[in-house]
């Protein structure tokens, strides 16, 4: 039996099963009851230290940097 044939048979049976179980495990992990707070925290983390808008150009940045 050739190597290609053996790998093809493995991919057709056990690899598909392993990938399907991995996918279902990830879906279960994402929708678990205790995950809502972490997901909301990750979704809003980019706004955590947002107290004013960023300057539009480099010239505005240099003006803001001067005392």
C-alpha atoms as a PDB file:
ATOM      1  CA  UNK A   1       0.000   0.000   0.000  1.00  0.00           C
ATOM      2  CA  UNK A   2       1.405   3.373  -0.970  1.00  0.00           C
ATOM      3  CA  UNK A   3       1.913   6.214   1.455  1.00  0.00           C
ATOM      4  CA  UNK A   4      -0.567   8.410  -0.400  1.00  0.00           C
ATOM      5  CA  UNK A   5      -3.260   5.749  -0.198  1.00  0.00           C
ATOM      6  CA  UNK A   6      -2.702   5.300   3.543  1.00  0.00           C
ATOM      7  CA  UNK A   7      -2.820   9.043   4.196  1.00  0.00           C
ATOM      8  CA  UNK A   8      -5.920   9.393   2.052  1.00  0.00           C
ATOM      9  CA  UNK A   9      -7.701   6.630   3.968  1.00  0.00           C
ATOM     10  CA  UNK A  10      -6.725   8.255   7.280  1.00  0.00           C
ATOM     11  CA  UNK A  11      -7.944  11.671   6.123  1.00  0.00           C
ATOM     12  CA  UNK A  12     -11.225  10.204   4.929  1.00  0.00           C
ATOM     13  CA  UNK A  13     -11.998   8.582   8.257  1.00  0.00           C
ATOM     14  CA  UNK A  14     -10.237   9.614  11.454  1.00  0.00           C
ATOM     15  CA  UNK A  15      -9.065  13.092  10.496  1.00  0.00           C
ATOM     16  CA  UNK A  16     -12.591  14.134   9.547  1.00  0.00           C
ATOM     17  CA  UNK A  17     -13.873  12.833  12.861  1.00  0.00           C
ATOM     18  CA  UNK A  18     -11.119  14.645  14.805  1.00  0.00           C
ATOM     19  CA  UNK A  19     -11.750  17.938  13.003  1.00  0.00           C
ATOM     20  CA  UNK A  20     -15.497  17.661  13.545  1.00  0.00           C
ATOM     21  CA  UNK A  21     -14.995  17.021  17.275  1.00  0.00           C
ATOM     22  CA  UNK A  22     -12.603  19.977  17.474  1.00  0.00           C
ATOM     23  CA  UNK A  23     -15.150  22.226  15.744  1.00  0.00           C
ATOM     24  CA  UNK A  24     -17.987  21.133  18.026  1.00  0.00           C
ATOM     25  CA  UNK A  25     -15.738  21.615  21.064  1.00  0.00           C
ATOM     26  CA  UNK A  26     -14.928  25.185  20.000  1.00  0.00           C
ATOM     27  CA  UNK A  27     -18.613  25.968  19.492  1.00  0.00           C
ATOM     28  CA  UNK A  28     -19.427  24.568  22.946  1.00  0.00           C
ATOM     29  CA  UNK A  29     -16.566  26.584  24.458  1.00  0.00           C
ATOM     30  CA  UNK A  30     -17.790  29.827  22.897  1.00  0.00           C
ATOM     31  CA  UNK A  31     -21.394  29.398  24.007  1.00  0.00           C
ATOM     32  CA  UNK A  32     -20.726  28.199  27.550  1.00  0.00           C
ATOM     33  CA  UNK A  33     -22.690  30.023  30.269  1.00  0.00           C
ATOM     34  CA  UNK A  34     -19.719  31.695  31.986  1.00  0.00           C
ATOM     35  CA  UNK A  35     -18.237  33.186  28.826  1.00  0.00           C
ATOM     36  CA  UNK A  36     -20.534  36.171  28.313  1.00  0.00           C
ATOM     37  CA  UNK A  37     -18.562  38.535  30.563  1.00  0.00           C
ATOM     38  CA  UNK A  38     -15.261  37.695  28.856  1.00  0.00           C
ATOM     39  CA  UNK A  39     -16.741  38.126  25.391  1.00  0.00           C
ATOM     40  CA  UNK A  40     -18.232  41.505  26.293  1.00  0.00           C
ATOM     41  CA  UNK A  41     -14.925  42.586  27.841  1.00  0.00           C
ATOM     42  CA  UNK A  42     -13.018  41.593  24.700  1.00  0.00           C
ATOM     43  CA  UNK A  43     -15.535  43.377  22.473  1.00  0.00           C
ATOM     44  CA  UNK A  44     -15.271  46.665  24.368  1.00  0.00           C
ATOM     45  CA  UNK A  45     -11.557  46.563  25.277  1.00  0.00           C
ATOM     46  CA  UNK A  46     -10.542  48.866  22.419  1.00  0.00           C
ATOM     47  CA  UNK A  47     -12.695  51.630  23.930  1.00  0.00           C
ATOM     48  CA  UNK A  48     -11.444  51.199  27.500  1.00  0.00           C
ATOM     49  CA  UNK A  49      -8.998  54.164  27.533  1.00  0.00           C
ATOM     50  CA  UNK A  50     -10.747  56.272  24.938  1.00  0.00           C
ATOM     51  CA  UNK A  51     -11.151  59.718  26.468  1.00  0.00           C
ATOM     52  CA  UNK A  52     -10.797  61.876  23.331  1.00  0.00           C
ATOM     53  CA  UNK A  53     -10.621  61.353  19.557  1.00  0.00           C
ATOM     54  CA  UNK A  54      -7.264  60.753  17.929  1.00  0.00           C
ATOM     55  CA  UNK A  55      -5.766  63.582  15.842  1.00  0.00           C
ATOM     56  CA  UNK A  56      -6.477  63.367  12.137  1.00  0.00           C
ATOM     57  CA  UNK A  57      -3.041  64.355  10.805  1.00  0.00           C
ATOM     58  CA  UNK A  58       0.610  64.345  11.853  1.00  0.00           C
ATOM     59  CA  UNK A  59       0.575  68.166  12.073  1.00  0.00           C
ATOM     60  CA  UNK A  60      -2.172  68.022  14.691  1.00  0.00           C
ATOM     61  CA  UNK A  61      -0.177  65.447  16.631  1.00  0.00           C
ATOM     62  CA  UNK A  62       2.881  67.698  16.747  1.00  0.00           C
ATOM     63  CA  UNK A  63       0.766  70.679  17.877  1.00  0.00           C
ATOM     64  CA  UNK A  64      -0.706  68.633  20.721  1.00  0.00           C
ATOM     65  CA  UNK A  65       2.723  67.430  21.828  1.00  0.00           C
ATOM     66  CA  UNK A  66       4.006  70.989  22.422  1.00  0.00           C
ATOM     67  CA  UNK A  67       3.344  72.450  25.874  1.00  0.00           C
END
